[in-house]
Amino acid sequence: MITVWAFLCTLACGLTLWLQNKQQSALAGMFKTLASLCFFLPALWLVINGQRDLFSILLTLGFALSFTGDILLIKTSDKQLFLSSLLAFLLAHLAYSWAFIDAGIKRYDLMITAVVVMAAMIGCYVWLFRHLKGLMKTAVPAYLAAIGLMLITAMVTRHPMQQLIVTGAVLFALSDLFVARQRFVSPGFNNRLIGLPLYYAGQLFLLSALLSA
């Protein structure tokens, strides 16, 4: 099943990027929506059809919130929509973190993992700080904390599909760097060209972990 959804997602993502490069924003938004449905719908279908353990429900909630964030980000120039998308993705990271914690935590790895990840998040904030204004000076560190929590819990979860989870979480986090670079540092199509495939690959790895559970 994951192969079909991955193919459809890759196709829709590719068309989104091509249309964005051609400045066909309405069509690009449509295909971006389709790409995001490729990780949300199979998870929702799984839960509706009986896979209702807490891990599955929380991961599906994370997909739903991510899908919401993707829709809100279609109109990238609108500051209010960007803030709303930031909140949606922050909540998605928290839902993923809760799911990973629910699967059990390797406590002996927690401290060193937390130190390394939070150091990386602080580094990201230092990189972004001089580009932030107003509410973003509060919103961005809160978002970085949520990303850090997701990465930490992914790296120490006892879930049997941990390798897929870690890969998905890292790819998701890397994609956020390109969103931040696009929004705050150096806008350009290359940010989307790299960041969008990373984002969808991350979500598909997390979906694969769910479907393999």
Foldseek 3Di string as FASTA:
>chain_A
DLVVLVVLLVVLLVVLLVCVVVVVLVSSLVSLLSSLCSLQVVLVVVCVVPPPDLLSVLLNQLSVLQSQLSNLCSVVVDPVSPLSSLVSNLVSLVSLLVSLVVQPFQVVCQPVLLVVLVVVLVVLCVVQVVQDDDPCNVSSSSSSVSLSSSLSSLCGGPQPLSVLSNQLSVLLVVLVSLVSCCVGNPNDSVSSVRNVVSNSSSSSSSSVSSVVD
